[in-house]
Amino acid sequence: MMIFSKKDSKTEYDNFEDIQNIKKENKMPLGKKEEIMKDPTSLNAILGKGSKFEGKLTFEGTVRIEGDFIGEIFSEDTLIIGEGAHIQAEISVGSVSVYGEIKGNIIAQKSCELHAPAKVVGNIVTGNLMIESGVIFEGNCKTDKSINLSKGQSSHPSPVKVNADIPKV
């Protein structure tokens, strides 16, 4: 079997490990969403399962939350809410991908993606909305390409109280 790689010469490989390493070297780059999901090193911070945090979160880059969070989240970058997460917050971010539970309003300047088995109770204002089959969404949504987070724009149709208990799904 002949394998072509970035190495200087073409070589015949008998060792399975060598072949696997070359396949990894030549692998096509993943799309941004896949890369973030499969490569935790592309994240700036992770609030892991079993973690609980209450307060205000601001960040740059990409942050993933897998635990419990109560408060406010603000960033012009990307937030990922993992499948085991329970969030009670007002969220204003550049983009958000939701797999867990959120009770509160979401402003997502670029995009808001709700992936099964997500549950969102609150209102969404975003430039681009995607809701996958199997998601539970209770609230109002508005797509608005002119959202500007830096001005602190808050154009939610009506507030949702975030300090109430989120029923576990």
N, C-alpha and C. Protein backbone atom coordinates (compact mmCIF):
# COMPACT_ATOMS: atom_id res chain seq x y z
N MET A 1 0.86 -1.17 0.00
CA MET A 1 0.00 0.00 0.00
C MET A 1 0.90 1.23 0.00
N MET A 2 0.58 2.21 -0.81
CA MET A 2 1.34 3.44 -0.93
C MET A 2 0.56 4.56 -0.27
N ILE A 3 1.21 5.32 0.59
CA ILE A 3 0.57 6.43 1.29
C ILE A 3 1.35 7.69 0.95
N PHE A 4 0.63 8.74 0.62
CA PHE A 4 1.28 10.01 0.34
C PHE A 4 1.11 10.90 1.54
N SER A 5 2.18 11.52 1.94
CA SER A 5 2.12 12.39 3.10
C SER A 5 2.96 13.62 2.86
N LYS A 6 3.08 14.45 3.90
CA LYS A 6 3.88 15.65 3.82
C LYS A 6 5.36 15.36 3.95
N LYS A 7 5.72 14.09 4.13
CA LYS A 7 7.12 13.73 4.26
C LYS A 7 7.82 13.89 2.92
N ASP A 8 9.17 13.97 2.95
CA ASP A 8 9.96 14.23 1.76
C ASP A 8 9.83 13.15 0.69
N SER A 9 9.73 11.92 1.06
CA SER A 9 9.69 10.86 0.07
C SER A 9 8.48 9.97 0.28
N LYS A 10 8.10 9.27 -0.79
CA LYS A 10 7.01 8.31 -0.70
C LYS A 10 7.59 7.04 -0.11
N THR A 11 6.89 6.48 0.86
CA THR A 11 7.39 5.31 1.55
C THR A 11 6.27 4.30 1.69
N GLU A 12 6.64 3.05 1.67
CA GLU A 12 5.67 2.01 1.92
C GLU A 12 5.66 1.75 3.42
N TYR A 13 4.47 1.76 4.03
CA TYR A 13 4.36 1.60 5.47
C TYR A 13 3.76 0.25 5.81
N ASP A 14 4.38 -0.44 6.72
CA ASP A 14 3.83 -1.70 7.22
C ASP A 14 3.25 -1.51 8.62
N ASN A 15 3.67 -0.46 9.27
CA ASN A 15 3.27 -0.23 10.65
C ASN A 15 1.94 0.53 10.69
N PHE A 16 0.93 -0.04 11.31
CA PHE A 16 -0.40 0.55 11.38
C PHE A 16 -0.38 1.92 12.05
N GLU A 17 0.44 2.10 13.11
CA GLU A 17 0.52 3.38 13.81
C GLU A 17 1.02 4.48 12.88
N ASP A 18 2.00 4.17 12.04
CA ASP A 18 2.52 5.17 11.09
C ASP A 18 1.41 5.61 10.14
N ILE A 19 0.61 4.67 9.68
CA ILE A 19 -0.48 4.99 8.76
C ILE A 19 -1.50 5.89 9.45
N GLN A 20 -1.86 5.57 10.69
CA GLN A 20 -2.82 6.38 11.43
C GLN A 20 -2.31 7.79 11.64
N ASN A 21 -1.03 7.96 11.96
CA ASN A 21 -0.45 9.29 12.16
C ASN A 21 -0.49 10.10 10.88
N ILE A 22 -0.21 9.48 9.74
CA ILE A 22 -0.25 10.19 8.45
C ILE A 22 -1.68 10.59 8.13
N LYS A 23 -2.63 9.71 8.41
CA LYS A 23 -4.03 10.07 8.17
C LYS A 23 -4.41 11.30 8.99
N LYS A 24 -3.95 11.38 10.23
CA LYS A 24 -4.25 12.54 11.07
C LYS A 24 -3.60 13.80 10.51
N GLU A 25 -2.35 13.68 10.01
CA GLU A 25 -1.64 14.83 9.43
C GLU A 25 -2.37 15.38 8.22
N ASN A 26 -2.91 14.49 7.39
CA ASN A 26 -3.52 14.90 6.13
C ASN A 26 -5.01 15.15 6.23
N LYS A 27 -5.55 15.05 7.42
CA LYS A 27 -6.97 15.24 7.63
C LYS A 27 -7.38 16.66 7.23
N MET A 28 -8.49 16.75 6.53
CA MET A 28 -9.01 18.06 6.15
C MET A 28 -9.42 18.81 7.41
N PRO A 29 -9.23 20.12 7.44
CA PRO A 29 -9.62 20.87 8.63
C PRO A 29 -11.13 20.79 8.84
N LEU A 30 -11.52 20.72 10.10
CA LEU A 30 -12.94 20.66 10.43
C LEU A 30 -13.56 22.04 10.33
N GLY A 31 -14.86 22.08 10.10
CA GLY A 31 -15.57 23.35 10.13
C GLY A 31 -15.53 23.91 11.54
N LYS A 32 -15.78 25.20 11.71
CA LYS A 32 -15.64 25.84 13.01
C LYS A 32 -16.50 25.17 14.09
N LYS A 33 -17.75 24.86 13.78
CA LYS A 33 -18.62 24.26 14.78
C LYS A 33 -18.12 22.88 15.18
N GLU A 34 -17.76 22.07 14.18
CA GLU A 34 -17.25 20.73 14.47
C GLU A 34 -15.95 20.81 15.26
N GLU A 35 -15.11 21.75 14.90
CA GLU A 35 -13.81 21.89 15.57
C GLU A 35 -14.01 22.22 17.04
N ILE A 36 -14.92 23.11 17.34
CA ILE A 36 -15.18 23.50 18.72
C ILE A 36 -15.75 22.32 19.50
N MET A 37 -16.65 21.58 18.88
CA MET A 37 -17.29 20.45 19.56
C MET A 37 -16.30 19.32 19.82
N LYS A 38 -15.40 19.04 18.86
CA LYS A 38 -14.51 17.90 18.97
C LYS A 38 -13.16 18.22 19.56
N ASP A 39 -12.77 19.49 19.56
CA ASP A 39 -11.45 19.86 20.05
C ASP A 39 -11.58 20.86 21.19
N PRO A 40 -11.58 20.40 22.44
CA PRO A 40 -11.75 21.30 23.57
C PRO A 40 -10.63 22.33 23.69
N THR A 41 -9.49 22.12 23.04
CA THR A 41 -8.39 23.09 23.14
C THR A 41 -8.72 24.37 22.38
N SER A 42 -9.75 24.37 21.52
CA SER A 42 -10.12 25.58 20.80
C SER A 42 -11.01 26.49 21.66
N LEU A 43 -11.33 26.05 22.87
CA LEU A 43 -12.15 26.83 23.78
C LEU A 43 -11.28 27.70 24.68
N ASN A 44 -11.78 28.89 25.03
CA ASN A 44 -11.07 29.76 25.97
C ASN A 44 -11.36 29.36 27.41
N ALA A 45 -12.58 28.83 27.67
CA ALA A 45 -12.94 28.43 29.02
C ALA A 45 -14.07 27.41 28.97
N ILE A 46 -14.10 26.57 29.99
CA ILE A 46 -15.17 25.57 30.12
C ILE A 46 -15.65 25.59 31.57
N LEU A 47 -16.96 25.68 31.75
CA LEU A 47 -17.56 25.48 33.06
C LEU A 47 -18.12 24.07 33.01
N GLY A 48 -17.41 23.11 33.60
CA GLY A 48 -17.70 21.70 33.43
C GLY A 48 -18.91 21.20 34.18
N LYS A 49 -19.28 19.94 33.88
CA LYS A 49 -20.40 19.29 34.57
C LYS A 49 -20.14 19.28 36.06
N GLY A 50 -21.19 19.49 36.83
CA GLY A 50 -21.06 19.51 38.28
C GLY A 50 -20.68 20.87 38.83
N SER A 51 -20.27 21.80 37.96
CA SER A 51 -19.91 23.15 38.40
C SER A 51 -21.16 24.01 38.53
N LYS A 52 -21.13 24.92 39.51
CA LYS A 52 -22.22 25.88 39.69
C LYS A 52 -21.60 27.26 39.80
N PHE A 53 -22.20 28.21 39.08
CA PHE A 53 -21.67 29.57 39.10
C PHE A 53 -22.83 30.53 39.11
N GLU A 54 -22.70 31.59 39.92
CA GLU A 54 -23.72 32.63 39.96
C GLU A 54 -23.03 33.98 39.83
N GLY A 55 -23.50 34.81 38.89
CA GLY A 55 -22.92 36.13 38.72
C GLY A 55 -22.97 36.58 37.27
N LYS A 56 -21.99 37.44 36.91
CA LYS A 56 -21.90 37.98 35.55
C LYS A 56 -20.69 37.37 34.86
N LEU A 57 -20.90 36.89 33.65
CA LEU A 57 -19.82 36.30 32.86
C LEU A 57 -19.62 37.13 31.60
N THR A 58 -18.41 37.64 31.42
CA THR A 58 -18.02 38.28 30.17
C THR A 58 -16.78 37.55 29.68
N PHE A 59 -16.65 37.43 28.36
CA PHE A 59 -15.51 36.69 27.83
C PHE A 59 -15.22 37.09 26.39
N GLU A 60 -14.04 36.67 25.92
CA GLU A 60 -13.65 36.79 24.52
C GLU A 60 -13.36 35.40 24.01
N GLY A 61 -13.60 35.16 22.74
CA GLY A 61 -13.34 33.84 22.17
C GLY A 61 -14.55 32.95 22.31
N THR A 62 -14.31 31.67 22.63
CA THR A 62 -15.38 30.68 22.73
C THR A 62 -15.39 30.09 24.13
N VAL A 63 -16.58 30.05 24.73
CA VAL A 63 -16.75 29.48 26.07
C VAL A 63 -17.86 28.43 26.00
N ARG A 64 -17.63 27.32 26.69
CA ARG A 64 -18.61 26.23 26.76
C ARG A 64 -19.04 26.07 28.22
N ILE A 65 -20.35 25.98 28.44
CA ILE A 65 -20.89 25.76 29.77
C ILE A 65 -21.59 24.41 29.78
N GLU A 66 -21.15 23.55 30.70
CA GLU A 66 -21.75 22.22 30.88
C GLU A 66 -22.46 22.11 32.23
N GLY A 67 -22.20 23.05 33.12
CA GLY A 67 -22.76 23.00 34.48
C GLY A 67 -23.96 23.91 34.64
N ASP A 68 -24.15 24.40 35.87
CA ASP A 68 -25.26 25.29 36.20
C ASP A 68 -24.76 26.72 36.28
N PHE A 69 -25.53 27.65 35.72
CA PHE A 69 -25.15 29.06 35.72
C PHE A 69 -26.40 29.89 35.97
N ILE A 70 -26.29 30.86 36.89
CA ILE A 70 -27.37 31.81 37.16
C ILE A 70 -26.78 33.21 37.08
N GLY A 71 -27.39 34.10 36.29
CA GLY A 71 -26.91 35.47 36.23
C GLY A 71 -27.04 36.09 34.85
N GLU A 72 -25.93 36.70 34.39
CA GLU A 72 -25.89 37.38 33.10
C GLU A 72 -24.65 36.93 32.34
N ILE A 73 -24.80 36.82 31.02
CA ILE A 73 -23.67 36.44 30.16
C ILE A 73 -23.59 37.46 29.04
N PHE A 74 -22.39 38.02 28.86
CA PHE A 74 -22.20 39.00 27.78
C PHE A 74 -20.89 38.74 27.06
N SER A 75 -20.95 38.72 25.73
CA SER A 75 -19.76 38.62 24.91
C SER A 75 -20.14 38.93 23.47
N GLU A 76 -19.18 39.38 22.70
CA GLU A 76 -19.41 39.55 21.27
C GLU A 76 -18.96 38.31 20.51
N ASP A 77 -18.59 37.25 21.25
CA ASP A 77 -18.08 36.04 20.63
C ASP A 77 -19.05 34.86 20.82
N THR A 78 -18.53 33.63 20.90
CA THR A 78 -19.35 32.42 20.83
C THR A 78 -19.54 31.75 22.18
N LEU A 79 -20.78 31.39 22.47
CA LEU A 79 -21.14 30.66 23.68
C LEU A 79 -21.75 29.33 23.27
N ILE A 80 -21.31 28.25 23.93
CA ILE A 80 -21.88 26.93 23.70
C ILE A 80 -22.47 26.45 25.02
N ILE A 81 -23.74 26.09 24.99
CA ILE A 81 -24.42 25.56 26.17
C ILE A 81 -24.53 24.06 25.96
N GLY A 82 -23.77 23.29 26.74
CA GLY A 82 -23.71 21.84 26.58
C GLY A 82 -24.98 21.15 27.01
N GLU A 83 -25.09 19.88 26.66
CA GLU A 83 -26.30 19.10 26.89
C GLU A 83 -26.70 19.00 28.35
N GLY A 84 -25.75 18.96 29.27
CA GLY A 84 -26.08 18.84 30.68
C GLY A 84 -26.23 20.16 31.41
N ALA A 85 -26.15 21.26 30.70
CA ALA A 85 -26.17 22.58 31.33
C ALA A 85 -27.58 23.02 31.70
N HIS A 86 -27.67 23.77 32.81
CA HIS A 86 -28.92 24.39 33.27
C HIS A 86 -28.60 25.86 33.50
N ILE A 87 -29.14 26.73 32.64
CA ILE A 87 -28.80 28.15 32.66
C ILE A 87 -30.05 28.96 33.01
N GLN A 88 -29.90 29.89 33.94
CA GLN A 88 -30.94 30.88 34.24
C GLN A 88 -30.25 32.23 34.07
N ALA A 89 -30.38 32.82 32.89
CA ALA A 89 -29.60 34.03 32.62
C ALA A 89 -30.17 34.85 31.49
N GLU A 90 -29.81 36.11 31.52
CA GLU A 90 -29.99 37.00 30.38
C GLU A 90 -28.71 36.88 29.57
N ILE A 91 -28.82 36.51 28.31
CA ILE A 91 -27.65 36.22 27.48
C ILE A 91 -27.59 37.19 26.31
N SER A 92 -26.45 37.86 26.16
CA SER A 92 -26.19 38.73 25.01
C SER A 92 -24.82 38.36 24.46
N VAL A 93 -24.81 37.69 23.30
CA VAL A 93 -23.55 37.19 22.72
C VAL A 93 -23.55 37.39 21.21
N GLY A 94 -22.39 37.16 20.61
CA GLY A 94 -22.28 37.20 19.15
C GLY A 94 -23.03 36.04 18.52
N SER A 95 -22.74 34.83 19.00
CA SER A 95 -23.47 33.65 18.55
C SER A 95 -23.55 32.65 19.68
N VAL A 96 -24.59 31.80 19.62
CA VAL A 96 -24.80 30.81 20.67
C VAL A 96 -25.30 29.51 20.04
N SER A 97 -24.79 28.39 20.55
CA SER A 97 -25.27 27.06 20.20
C SER A 97 -25.76 26.43 21.49
N VAL A 98 -27.01 25.97 21.49
CA VAL A 98 -27.63 25.47 22.71
C VAL A 98 -27.98 24.00 22.54
N TYR A 99 -27.49 23.18 23.49
CA TYR A 99 -27.82 21.76 23.56
C TYR A 99 -28.50 21.45 24.89
N GLY A 100 -28.37 22.35 25.87
CA GLY A 100 -28.90 22.15 27.21
C GLY A 100 -30.15 22.97 27.45
N GLU A 101 -30.36 23.37 28.73
CA GLU A 101 -31.56 24.10 29.13
C GLU A 101 -31.23 25.55 29.46
N ILE A 102 -32.07 26.45 28.96
CA ILE A 102 -31.93 27.88 29.26
C ILE A 102 -33.29 28.42 29.67
N LYS A 103 -33.31 29.15 30.77
CA LYS A 103 -34.48 29.93 31.14
C LYS A 103 -34.00 31.37 31.20
N GLY A 104 -34.44 32.16 30.25
CA GLY A 104 -34.02 33.55 30.15
C GLY A 104 -33.99 33.98 28.70
N ASN A 105 -33.79 35.25 28.50
CA ASN A 105 -33.79 35.83 27.16
C ASN A 105 -32.41 35.73 26.52
N ILE A 106 -32.41 35.60 25.20
CA ILE A 106 -31.17 35.48 24.43
C ILE A 106 -31.15 36.56 23.35
N ILE A 107 -30.07 37.32 23.33
CA ILE A 107 -29.76 38.19 22.19
C ILE A 107 -28.49 37.62 21.58
N ALA A 108 -28.57 37.21 20.33
CA ALA A 108 -27.40 36.67 19.64
C ALA A 108 -27.24 37.43 18.33
N GLN A 109 -26.24 38.30 18.29
CA GLN A 109 -26.05 39.20 17.17
C GLN A 109 -25.97 38.47 15.83
N LYS A 110 -25.13 37.43 15.76
CA LYS A 110 -24.94 36.72 14.49
C LYS A 110 -25.92 35.56 14.32
N SER A 111 -25.89 34.62 15.28
CA SER A 111 -26.74 33.44 15.11
C SER A 111 -27.07 32.79 16.45
N CYS A 112 -28.21 32.09 16.45
CA CYS A 112 -28.65 31.29 17.58
C CYS A 112 -29.06 29.94 17.03
N GLU A 113 -28.38 28.89 17.49
CA GLU A 113 -28.67 27.54 17.04
C GLU A 113 -29.18 26.71 18.23
N LEU A 114 -30.35 26.13 18.09
CA LEU A 114 -30.92 25.28 19.12
C LEU A 114 -30.89 23.85 18.60
N HIS A 115 -30.08 23.01 19.26
CA HIS A 115 -29.90 21.62 18.86
C HIS A 115 -30.57 20.70 19.87
N ALA A 116 -31.18 19.63 19.37
CA ALA A 116 -31.81 18.65 20.26
C ALA A 116 -30.75 18.09 21.20
N PRO A 117 -31.05 17.96 22.45
CA PRO A 117 -32.34 18.01 23.15
C PRO A 117 -32.56 19.32 23.89
N ALA A 118 -32.17 20.44 23.33
CA ALA A 118 -32.25 21.73 24.02
C ALA A 118 -33.67 22.07 24.45
N LYS A 119 -33.73 22.82 25.57
CA LYS A 119 -35.00 23.37 26.04
C LYS A 119 -34.75 24.84 26.38
N VAL A 120 -35.47 25.72 25.71
CA VAL A 120 -35.31 27.16 25.94
C VAL A 120 -36.67 27.74 26.30
N VAL A 121 -36.71 28.40 27.47
CA VAL A 121 -37.90 29.11 27.91
C VAL A 121 -37.49 30.57 28.01
N GLY A 122 -37.90 31.36 27.04
CA GLY A 122 -37.52 32.77 26.99
C GLY A 122 -37.62 33.28 25.58
N ASN A 123 -37.29 34.52 25.41
CA ASN A 123 -37.39 35.17 24.11
C ASN A 123 -36.03 35.24 23.45
N ILE A 124 -36.04 35.17 22.12
CA ILE A 124 -34.80 35.19 21.34
C ILE A 124 -34.86 36.31 20.32
N VAL A 125 -33.79 37.11 20.27
CA VAL A 125 -33.60 38.09 19.21
C VAL A 125 -32.25 37.77 18.60
N THR A 126 -32.21 37.51 17.30
CA THR A 126 -30.96 37.11 16.66
C THR A 126 -30.94 37.49 15.19
N GLY A 127 -29.76 37.49 14.63
CA GLY A 127 -29.61 37.75 13.20
C GLY A 127 -30.00 36.55 12.38
N ASN A 128 -29.81 35.33 12.91
CA ASN A 128 -30.10 34.10 12.19
C ASN A 128 -30.49 33.03 13.20
N LEU A 129 -31.64 32.42 13.03
CA LEU A 129 -32.14 31.43 13.98
C LEU A 129 -32.26 30.07 13.30
N MET A 130 -31.74 29.02 14.00
CA MET A 130 -31.86 27.65 13.52
C MET A 130 -32.36 26.80 14.68
N ILE A 131 -33.48 26.11 14.45
CA ILE A 131 -34.05 25.23 15.48
C ILE A 131 -34.14 23.83 14.90
N GLU A 132 -33.44 22.90 15.54
CA GLU A 132 -33.41 21.51 15.10
C GLU A 132 -34.65 20.78 15.61
N SER A 133 -35.06 19.76 14.90
CA SER A 133 -36.17 18.92 15.33
C SER A 133 -35.85 18.30 16.69
N GLY A 134 -36.83 18.29 17.59
CA GLY A 134 -36.64 17.72 18.92
C GLY A 134 -36.36 18.76 19.99
N VAL A 135 -36.22 20.02 19.61
CA VAL A 135 -35.97 21.10 20.57
C VAL A 135 -37.30 21.57 21.15
N ILE A 136 -37.28 21.92 22.44
CA ILE A 136 -38.45 22.54 23.07
C ILE A 136 -38.14 24.03 23.20
N PHE A 137 -38.98 24.86 22.61
CA PHE A 137 -38.80 26.32 22.67
C PHE A 137 -40.12 26.95 23.07
N GLU A 138 -40.14 27.66 24.20
CA GLU A 138 -41.32 28.36 24.68
C GLU A 138 -40.96 29.83 24.80
N GLY A 139 -41.48 30.64 23.90
CA GLY A 139 -41.19 32.06 23.93
C GLY A 139 -41.43 32.70 22.58
N ASN A 140 -40.98 33.91 22.45
CA ASN A 140 -41.10 34.64 21.19
C ASN A 140 -39.73 34.74 20.56
N CYS A 141 -39.72 34.84 19.23
CA CYS A 141 -38.43 35.05 18.57
C CYS A 141 -38.58 36.13 17.51
N LYS A 142 -37.47 36.81 17.29
CA LYS A 142 -37.42 37.87 16.30
C LYS A 142 -36.06 37.80 15.62
N THR A 143 -36.04 37.78 14.29
CA THR A 143 -34.76 37.85 13.59
C THR A 143 -34.54 39.29 13.20
N ASP A 144 -33.37 39.79 13.54
CA ASP A 144 -33.02 41.19 13.32
C ASP A 144 -31.54 41.26 12.99
N LYS A 145 -31.21 41.55 11.75
CA LYS A 145 -29.81 41.60 11.31
C LYS A 145 -29.08 42.85 11.81
N SER A 146 -29.79 43.80 12.39
CA SER A 146 -29.17 45.06 12.81
C SER A 146 -28.84 45.11 14.30
N ILE A 147 -28.78 43.98 14.96
CA ILE A 147 -28.46 43.95 16.39
C ILE A 147 -27.03 44.42 16.60
N ASN A 148 -26.86 45.29 17.60
CA ASN A 148 -25.52 45.79 17.93
C ASN A 148 -25.31 45.61 19.42
N LEU A 149 -24.52 44.63 19.80
CA LEU A 149 -24.30 44.34 21.22
C LEU A 149 -23.54 45.44 21.94
N SER A 150 -22.65 46.13 21.26
CA SER A 150 -21.83 47.14 21.92
C SER A 150 -22.66 48.31 22.43
N LYS A 151 -23.82 48.53 21.85
CA LYS A 151 -24.69 49.60 22.33
C LYS A 151 -25.57 49.14 23.48
N GLY A 152 -25.44 47.83 23.83
CA GLY A 152 -26.26 47.30 24.92
C GLY A 152 -27.72 47.21 24.54
N GLN A 153 -27.98 47.04 23.25
CA GLN A 153 -29.35 46.97 22.76
C GLN A 153 -30.07 45.79 23.39
N SER A 154 -31.24 46.03 23.89
CA SER A 154 -32.04 44.96 24.46
C SER A 154 -33.45 45.08 23.89
N SER A 155 -33.70 44.40 22.80
CA SER A 155 -34.98 44.53 22.12
C SER A 155 -35.84 43.28 22.28
N HIS A 156 -35.83 42.70 23.48
CA HIS A 156 -36.68 41.53 23.72
C HIS A 156 -38.13 41.97 23.78
N PRO A 157 -39.04 41.15 23.22
CA PRO A 157 -40.45 41.50 23.28
C PRO A 157 -40.97 41.65 24.70
N SER A 158 -40.60 40.77 25.60
CA SER A 158 -40.99 40.89 27.01
C SER A 158 -40.02 40.07 27.85
N PRO A 159 -39.74 40.53 29.07
CA PRO A 159 -38.77 39.82 29.89
C PRO A 159 -39.33 38.51 30.45
N VAL A 160 -38.42 37.58 30.74
CA VAL A 160 -38.76 36.33 31.40
C VAL A 160 -38.01 36.32 32.71
N LYS A 161 -38.71 36.05 33.82
CA LYS A 161 -38.06 36.00 35.11
C LYS A 161 -37.09 34.83 35.16
N VAL A 162 -35.80 35.10 35.45
CA VAL A 162 -34.78 34.05 35.39
C VAL A 162 -34.47 33.44 36.74
N ASN A 163 -35.00 33.95 37.80
CA ASN A 163 -34.68 33.42 39.12
C ASN A 163 -35.61 32.30 39.57
N ALA A 164 -36.54 31.89 38.72
CA ALA A 164 -37.42 30.76 39.04
C ALA A 164 -36.69 29.47 38.72
N ASP A 165 -37.13 28.39 39.34
CA ASP A 165 -36.48 27.10 39.10
C ASP A 165 -36.77 26.59 37.70
N ILE A 166 -35.74 26.04 37.07
CA ILE A 166 -35.91 25.39 35.76
C ILE A 166 -36.28 23.94 36.04
N PRO A 167 -37.42 23.50 35.52
CA PRO A 167 -37.75 22.08 35.71
C PRO A 167 -36.77 21.22 34.93
N LYS A 168 -36.26 20.18 35.56
CA LYS A 168 -35.33 19.27 34.90
C LYS A 168 -36.09 18.44 33.88
N VAL A 169 -35.51 18.34 32.69
CA VAL A 169 -36.14 17.57 31.62
C VAL A 169 -35.75 16.13 31.74
